[in-house]
C-alpha atoms as a PDB file:
ATOM      1  CA  UNK A   1     102.535 113.920 110.919  1.00  0.00           C
ATOM      2  CA  UNK A   2      98.991 113.166 110.093  1.00  0.00           C
ATOM      3  CA  UNK A   3      97.727 115.819 106.787  1.00  0.00           C
ATOM      4  CA  UNK A   4      93.810 116.857 106.477  1.00  0.00           C
ATOM      5  CA  UNK A   5      93.260 118.660 103.454  1.00  0.00           C
ATOM      6  CA  UNK A   6      89.654 120.950 104.007  1.00  0.00           C
ATOM      7  CA  UNK A   7      88.205 121.157 100.699  1.00  0.00           C
ATOM      8  CA  UNK A   8      86.582 124.710  99.327  1.00  0.00           C
ATOM      9  CA  UNK A   9      85.709 124.389  95.929  1.00  0.00           C
ATOM     10  CA  UNK A  10      84.441 128.342  96.130  1.00  0.00           C
ATOM     11  CA  UNK A  11      87.954 129.559  96.314  1.00  0.00           C
ATOM     12  CA  UNK A  12      88.654 128.365  93.073  1.00  0.00           C
ATOM     13  CA  UNK A  13      88.275 131.155  90.120  1.00  0.00           C
ATOM     14  CA  UNK A  14      85.850 129.949  87.218  1.00  0.00           C
ATOM     15  CA  UNK A  15      82.362 128.715  86.800  1.00  0.00           C
ATOM     16  CA  UNK A  16      80.552 125.919  88.565  1.00  0.00           C
ATOM     17  CA  UNK A  17      81.975 123.149  86.699  1.00  0.00           C
ATOM     18  CA  UNK A  18      85.084 124.750  86.157  1.00  0.00           C
ATOM     19  CA  UNK A  19      85.234 124.977  90.131  1.00  0.00           C
ATOM     20  CA  UNK A  20      84.232 121.377  90.280  1.00  0.00           C
ATOM     21  CA  UNK A  21      86.687 120.220  88.071  1.00  0.00           C
ATOM     22  CA  UNK A  22      89.272 121.630  89.919  1.00  0.00           C
ATOM     23  CA  UNK A  23      88.749 120.102  93.164  1.00  0.00           C
ATOM     24  CA  UNK A  24      88.678 117.183  91.867  1.00  0.00           C
ATOM     25  CA  UNK A  25      91.789 117.342  90.484  1.00  0.00           C
ATOM     26  CA  UNK A  26      92.998 118.329  93.551  1.00  0.00           C
ATOM     27  CA  UNK A  27      91.663 115.749  95.641  1.00  0.00           C
ATOM     28  CA  UNK A  28      93.215 113.462  93.191  1.00  0.00           C
ATOM     29  CA  UNK A  29      96.538 114.730  93.666  1.00  0.00           C
ATOM     30  CA  UNK A  30      95.834 114.532  98.080  1.00  0.00           C
ATOM     31  CA  UNK A  31      95.614 111.081  97.602  1.00  0.00           C
ATOM     32  CA  UNK A  32      98.148 110.231  95.044  1.00  0.00           C
ATOM     33  CA  UNK A  33     100.929 111.975  97.487  1.00  0.00           C
ATOM     34  CA  UNK A  34      99.834 110.222 100.441  1.00  0.00           C
ATOM     35  CA  UNK A  35      97.346 113.162 102.417  1.00  0.00           C
ATOM     36  CA  UNK A  36      95.529 111.211 105.247  1.00  0.00           C
ATOM     37  CA  UNK A  37      92.212 112.361 105.053  1.00  0.00           C
ATOM     38  CA  UNK A  38      89.969 114.605 102.952  1.00  0.00           C
ATOM     39  CA  UNK A  39      87.204 116.457 104.156  1.00  0.00           C
ATOM     40  CA  UNK A  40      84.670 117.313 101.722  1.00  0.00           C
ATOM     41  CA  UNK A  41      83.567 120.733 103.245  1.00  0.00           C
ATOM     42  CA  UNK A  42      81.197 122.216 100.716  1.00  0.00           C
ATOM     43  CA  UNK A  43      78.197 123.799 102.932  1.00  0.00           C
ATOM     44  CA  UNK A  44      76.107 125.245 100.002  1.00  0.00           C
ATOM     45  CA  UNK A  45      75.622 122.384  97.777  1.00  0.00           C
ATOM     46  CA  UNK A  46      72.301 120.177  97.975  1.00  0.00           C
ATOM     47  CA  UNK A  47      72.262 116.877  99.738  1.00  0.00           C
ATOM     48  CA  UNK A  48      71.749 115.602  96.019  1.00  0.00           C
ATOM     49  CA  UNK A  49      74.681 117.715  94.781  1.00  0.00           C
ATOM     50  CA  UNK A  50      77.155 117.043  97.437  1.00  0.00           C
ATOM     51  CA  UNK A  51      75.937 113.329  97.238  1.00  0.00           C
ATOM     52  CA  UNK A  52      77.286 113.487  93.498  1.00  0.00           C
ATOM     53  CA  UNK A  53      80.298 115.094  94.048  1.00  0.00           C
ATOM     54  CA  UNK A  54      81.373 112.717  97.275  1.00  0.00           C
ATOM     55  CA  UNK A  55      80.674 109.420  94.913  1.00  0.00           C
ATOM     56  CA  UNK A  56      83.400 111.356  92.616  1.00  0.00           C
ATOM     57  CA  UNK A  57      85.511 111.406  94.938  1.00  0.00           C
ATOM     58  CA  UNK A  58      85.530 108.339  96.450  1.00  0.00           C
ATOM     59  CA  UNK A  59      85.979 106.749  93.000  1.00  0.00           C
ATOM     60  CA  UNK A  60      88.932 108.962  92.618  1.00  0.00           C
ATOM     61  CA  UNK A  61      90.513 108.249  95.684  1.00  0.00           C
ATOM     62  CA  UNK A  62      90.242 104.678  94.908  1.00  0.00           C
ATOM     63  CA  UNK A  63      92.062 104.704  91.759  1.00  0.00           C
ATOM     64  CA  UNK A  64      94.847 107.182  92.645  1.00  0.00           C
ATOM     65  CA  UNK A  65      95.844 106.783  96.609  1.00  0.00           C
ATOM     66  CA  UNK A  66      99.620 105.693  97.384  1.00  0.00           C
ATOM     67  CA  UNK A  67      98.727 105.524 100.915  1.00  0.00           C
ATOM     68  CA  UNK A  68      95.413 104.926 102.473  1.00  0.00           C
ATOM     69  CA  UNK A  69      93.276 108.309 101.988  1.00  0.00           C
ATOM     70  CA  UNK A  70      90.047 108.498 103.929  1.00  0.00           C
ATOM     71  CA  UNK A  71      87.338 110.871 102.476  1.00  0.00           C
ATOM     72  CA  UNK A  72      85.363 112.769 105.151  1.00  0.00           C
ATOM     73  CA  UNK A  73      82.436 114.416 104.798  1.00  0.00           C
ATOM     74  CA  UNK A  74      80.997 117.226 106.373  1.00  0.00           C
ATOM     75  CA  UNK A  75      78.195 116.880 108.682  1.00  0.00           C
ATOM     76  CA  UNK A  76      75.826 114.580 106.261  1.00  0.00           C
ATOM     77  CA  UNK A  77      76.041 111.275 107.992  1.00  0.00           C
ATOM     78  CA  UNK A  78      73.378 110.456 105.451  1.00  0.00           C
ATOM     79  CA  UNK A  79      75.661 110.990 102.510  1.00  0.00           C
ATOM     80  CA  UNK A  80      78.789 109.594 103.830  1.00  0.00           C
ATOM     81  CA  UNK A  81      76.555 106.251 104.428  1.00  0.00           C
ATOM     82  CA  UNK A  82      75.222 106.536 100.767  1.00  0.00           C
ATOM     83  CA  UNK A  83      78.750 107.441  99.404  1.00  0.00           C
ATOM     84  CA  UNK A  84      80.533 104.768 101.267  1.00  0.00           C
ATOM     85  CA  UNK A  85      83.053 107.080 102.554  1.00  0.00           C
ATOM     86  CA  UNK A  86      84.824 106.382 105.224  1.00  0.00           C
ATOM     87  CA  UNK A  87      83.130 108.798 107.603  1.00  0.00           C
ATOM     88  CA  UNK A  88      81.929 112.171 108.876  1.00  0.00           C
ATOM     89  CA  UNK A  89      83.628 115.379 110.016  1.00  0.00           C
ATOM     90  CA  UNK A  90      81.131 117.055 112.919  1.00  0.00           C
ATOM     91  CA  UNK A  91      81.206 120.559 114.183  1.00  0.00           C
ATOM     92  CA  UNK A  92      81.186 120.906 118.008  1.00  0.00           C
ATOM     93  CA  UNK A  93      77.506 121.474 118.043  1.00  0.00           C
ATOM     94  CA  UNK A  94      76.753 118.754 115.762  1.00  0.00           C
ATOM     95  CA  UNK A  95      75.120 115.475 116.345  1.00  0.00           C
ATOM     96  CA  UNK A  96      77.291 112.883 118.958  1.00  0.00           C
ATOM     97  CA  UNK A  97      79.447 110.090 117.825  1.00  0.00           C
ATOM     98  CA  UNK A  98      77.489 107.903 119.106  1.00  0.00           C
ATOM     99  CA  UNK A  99      74.046 108.802 117.002  1.00  0.00           C
ATOM    100  CA  UNK A 100      76.867 108.605 113.956  1.00  0.00           C
ATOM    101  CA  UNK A 101      77.570 104.935 114.770  1.00  0.00           C
ATOM    102  CA  UNK A 102      73.987 104.206 115.029  1.00  0.00           C
ATOM    103  CA  UNK A 103      73.134 105.232 111.937  1.00  0.00           C
ATOM    104  CA  UNK A 104      76.357 103.844 110.048  1.00  0.00           C
ATOM    105  CA  UNK A 105      75.132 100.308 111.992  1.00  0.00           C
ATOM    106  CA  UNK A 106      71.707 100.694 111.059  1.00  0.00           C
ATOM    107  CA  UNK A 107      72.678 100.994 107.278  1.00  0.00           C
ATOM    108  CA  UNK A 108      75.054  98.073 107.962  1.00  0.00           C
ATOM    109  CA  UNK A 109      71.788  95.671 108.920  1.00  0.00           C
ATOM    110  CA  UNK A 110      69.646  96.718 105.701  1.00  0.00           C
ATOM    111  CA  UNK A 111      71.593  94.826 103.465  1.00  0.00           C
ATOM    112  CA  UNK A 112      71.624  96.776 100.313  1.00  0.00           C
ATOM    113  CA  UNK A 113      74.185  96.518  97.834  1.00  0.00           C
ATOM    114  CA  UNK A 114      75.086  99.668  98.128  1.00  0.00           C
ATOM    115  CA  UNK A 115      76.020  98.826 101.518  1.00  0.00           C
ATOM    116  CA  UNK A 116      78.495  96.019 100.743  1.00  0.00           C
ATOM    117  CA  UNK A 117      81.620  98.474 100.668  1.00  0.00           C
ATOM    118  CA  UNK A 118      80.398 100.852 103.237  1.00  0.00           C
ATOM    119  CA  UNK A 119      83.086 100.716 106.426  1.00  0.00           C
ATOM    120  CA  UNK A 120      81.483  99.204 109.186  1.00  0.00           C
ATOM    121  CA  UNK A 121      83.132 101.623 111.668  1.00  0.00           C
ATOM    122  CA  UNK A 122      83.206 105.259 110.979  1.00  0.00           C
ATOM    123  CA  UNK A 123      86.135 107.784 111.188  1.00  0.00           C
ATOM    124  CA  UNK A 124      84.777 110.476 113.051  1.00  0.00           C
ATOM    125  CA  UNK A 125      86.768 113.823 113.205  1.00  0.00           C
ATOM    126  CA  UNK A 126      84.941 117.023 115.302  1.00  0.00           C
ATOM    127  CA  UNK A 127      85.938 120.260 115.172  1.00  0.00           C
ATOM    128  CA  UNK A 128      87.064 122.036 118.862  1.00  0.00           C
ATOM    129  CA  UNK A 129      87.758 124.753 119.755  1.00  0.00           C
ATOM    130  CA  UNK A 130      88.993 124.247 123.652  1.00  0.00           C
ATOM    131  CA  UNK A 131      90.551 121.820 125.360  1.00  0.00           C
ATOM    132  CA  UNK A 132      87.585 120.842 127.078  1.00  0.00           C
ATOM    133  CA  UNK A 133      85.620 120.278 123.632  1.00  0.00           C
ATOM    134  CA  UNK A 134      88.688 118.069 123.064  1.00  0.00           C
ATOM    135  CA  UNK A 135      88.290 115.986 125.759  1.00  0.00           C
ATOM    136  CA  UNK A 136      84.748 115.704 125.704  1.00  0.00           C
ATOM    137  CA  UNK A 137      85.163 114.175 122.085  1.00  0.00           C
ATOM    138  CA  UNK A 138      87.750 112.073 123.105  1.00  0.00           C
ATOM    139  CA  UNK A 139      85.485 110.519 125.773  1.00  0.00           C
ATOM    140  CA  UNK A 140      82.900 110.220 122.905  1.00  0.00           C
ATOM    141  CA  UNK A 141      85.425 108.271 121.378  1.00  0.00           C
ATOM    142  CA  UNK A 142      85.992 110.207 118.134  1.00  0.00           C
ATOM    143  CA  UNK A 143      88.980 109.025 115.331  1.00  0.00           C
ATOM    144  CA  UNK A 144      90.634 113.057 115.475  1.00  0.00           C
ATOM    145  CA  UNK A 145      89.966 116.646 116.858  1.00  0.00           C
ATOM    146  CA  UNK A 146      90.744 119.298 114.431  1.00  0.00           C
ATOM    147  CA  UNK A 147      91.572 121.900 117.073  1.00  0.00           C
ATOM    148  CA  UNK A 148      91.208 125.691 115.460  1.00  0.00           C
ATOM    149  CA  UNK A 149      92.208 128.534 115.091  1.00  0.00           C
ATOM    150  CA  UNK A 150      95.619 128.073 115.916  1.00  0.00           C
ATOM    151  CA  UNK A 151      96.857 130.889 114.438  1.00  0.00           C
ATOM    152  CA  UNK A 152      94.153 133.103 112.504  1.00  0.00           C
ATOM    153  CA  UNK A 153      90.746 132.738 111.115  1.00  0.00           C
ATOM    154  CA  UNK A 154      88.416 135.743 110.281  1.00  0.00           C
ATOM    155  CA  UNK A 155      86.646 137.198 113.069  1.00  0.00           C
ATOM    156  CA  UNK A 156      87.868 134.899 115.563  1.00  0.00           C
ATOM    157  CA  UNK A 157      90.784 135.487 118.323  1.00  0.00           C
ATOM    158  CA  UNK A 158      93.529 133.125 117.889  1.00  0.00           C
ATOM    159  CA  UNK A 159      94.345 130.635 120.153  1.00  0.00           C
ATOM    160  CA  UNK A 160      97.783 130.113 119.985  1.00  0.00           C
ATOM    161  CA  UNK A 161     100.150 127.494 120.648  1.00  0.00           C
ATOM    162  CA  UNK A 162     100.034 127.344 124.309  1.00  0.00           C
ATOM    163  CA  UNK A 163      96.088 126.549 123.945  1.00  0.00           C
ATOM    164  CA  UNK A 164      96.799 123.704 121.516  1.00  0.00           C
ATOM    165  CA  UNK A 165      99.362 122.193 123.998  1.00  0.00           C
ATOM    166  CA  UNK A 166      97.126 121.687 126.738  1.00  0.00           C
ATOM    167  CA  UNK A 167      94.537 120.263 123.976  1.00  0.00           C
ATOM    168  CA  UNK A 168      96.792 117.645 122.929  1.00  0.00           C
ATOM    169  CA  UNK A 169      96.711 116.556 126.493  1.00  0.00           C
ATOM    170  CA  UNK A 170      93.936 114.597 125.530  1.00  0.00           C
ATOM    171  CA  UNK A 171      93.829 110.598 124.936  1.00  0.00           C
ATOM    172  CA  UNK A 172      93.045 111.461 120.776  1.00  0.00           C
ATOM    173  CA  UNK A 173      94.989 113.016 118.480  1.00  0.00           C
ATOM    174  CA  UNK A 174      94.596 116.628 117.889  1.00  0.00           C
ATOM    175  CA  UNK A 175      95.644 118.337 114.673  1.00  0.00           C
ATOM    176  CA  UNK A 176      95.712 121.897 114.535  1.00  0.00           C
ATOM    177  CA  UNK A 177      93.640 123.822 111.914  1.00  0.00           C
ATOM    178  CA  UNK A 178      93.750 128.197 111.022  1.00  0.00           C
ATOM    179  CA  UNK A 179      96.692 130.062 109.760  1.00  0.00           C
ATOM    180  CA  UNK A 180      98.744 126.674 109.407  1.00  0.00           C
ATOM    181  CA  UNK A 181     101.856 127.457 106.915  1.00  0.00           C
ATOM    182  CA  UNK A 182     104.946 125.494 105.849  1.00  0.00           C
ATOM    183  CA  UNK A 183     106.857 128.325 108.347  1.00  0.00           C
ATOM    184  CA  UNK A 184     105.178 127.226 111.550  1.00  0.00           C
ATOM    185  CA  UNK A 185     103.817 123.427 111.168  1.00  0.00           C
ATOM    186  CA  UNK A 186     106.401 122.277 113.040  1.00  0.00           C
ATOM    187  CA  UNK A 187     105.676 124.811 116.137  1.00  0.00           C
ATOM    188  CA  UNK A 188     102.557 122.655 116.220  1.00  0.00           C
ATOM    189  CA  UNK A 189     104.107 119.142 116.560  1.00  0.00           C
ATOM    190  CA  UNK A 190     106.327 120.687 118.682  1.00  0.00           C
ATOM    191  CA  UNK A 191     103.198 121.482 120.719  1.00  0.00           C
ATOM    192  CA  UNK A 192     101.733 118.046 121.182  1.00  0.00           C
ATOM    193  CA  UNK A 193      99.879 117.851 117.590  1.00  0.00           C
ATOM    194  CA  UNK A 194      99.658 114.870 115.881  1.00  0.00           C
ATOM    195  CA  UNK A 195      99.629 117.010 112.433  1.00  0.00           C
ATOM    196  CA  UNK A 196      97.877 119.446 110.541  1.00  0.00           C
ATOM    197  CA  UNK A 197      94.425 120.418 108.770  1.00  0.00           C
ATOM    198  CA  UNK A 198      94.316 123.077 106.036  1.00  0.00           C
ATOM    199  CA  UNK A 199      92.477 124.364 103.007  1.00  0.00           C
ATOM    200  CA  UNK A 200      94.991 127.142 101.568  1.00  0.00           C
ATOM    201  CA  UNK A 201      97.814 125.485 102.043  1.00  0.00           C
ATOM    202  CA  UNK A 202      96.597 122.391  99.839  1.00  0.00           C
ATOM    203  CA  UNK A 203      94.859 123.724  97.454  1.00  0.00           C
ATOM    204  CA  UNK A 204      97.082 127.214  96.866  1.00  0.00           C
ATOM    205  CA  UNK A 205     100.267 125.094  96.328  1.00  0.00           C
ATOM    206  CA  UNK A 206     101.517 122.118  94.857  1.00  0.00           C
ATOM    207  CA  UNK A 207     100.772 119.557  97.146  1.00  0.00           C
ATOM    208  CA  UNK A 208     103.543 116.816  96.070  1.00  0.00           C
ATOM    209  CA  UNK A 209     106.469 119.918  97.178  1.00  0.00           C
ATOM    210  CA  UNK A 210     103.702 120.562 100.320  1.00  0.00           C
ATOM    211  CA  UNK A 211     103.892 117.109 101.903  1.00  0.00           C
ATOM    212  CA  UNK A 212     107.864 116.565 100.606  1.00  0.00           C
ATOM    213  CA  UNK A 213     108.519 119.373 103.122  1.00  0.00           C
ATOM    214  CA  UNK A 214     106.061 118.452 105.768  1.00  0.00           C
ATOM    215  CA  UNK A 215     107.425 114.502 105.648  1.00  0.00           C
ATOM    216  CA  UNK A 216     110.983 114.715 104.548  1.00  0.00           C
ATOM    217  CA  UNK A 217     111.851 111.718 106.138  1.00  0.00           C
ATOM    218  CA  UNK A 218     109.206 109.945 103.270  1.00  0.00           C
ATOM    219  CA  UNK A 219     111.216 111.691 100.408  1.00  0.00           C
END
């Protein structure tokens, strides 16, 4: 089961400094427990502040990980390149995977010292809301699709497990997002999902406990 933690520091109590510390602690916790992907989804931050946060997150992941944890930056290819992150998470109406790869290749050719540890091939996740969007992501050679909302989302109608099952027919790993809990995660796998993505499931719980329950074979 692939696990994908999506960050939201605004959900933590306290001032901005406290929230930032709490978020970085959660990223460290996720990396130490072998969560596969962490998406830095802090859309309200300026590019400069997002880059600063991403650099700290990369340092933490490099020190804490047991398994390979990849950091993806939401929509900002420039920030991902500047911080040597592993890739990006794109919205369905975002730039194309081809544009991301072109920017990535261009940064490698520049030969700047900061690029020496830059992954040569970016991981690209795409938010999808229909089987057609998942098929498009697959044809554009995205790394994976995050399909939502399966169970719930504010002001959005849940797609349900049957829609997830149809989306998982595409030749690309599909992760389920939207109201996923410890109780319903297995139903997503039974529908064909390669794993789950979540904000609250990881941020509001002890990640070690979550991983242990979702991956009992590794416990």
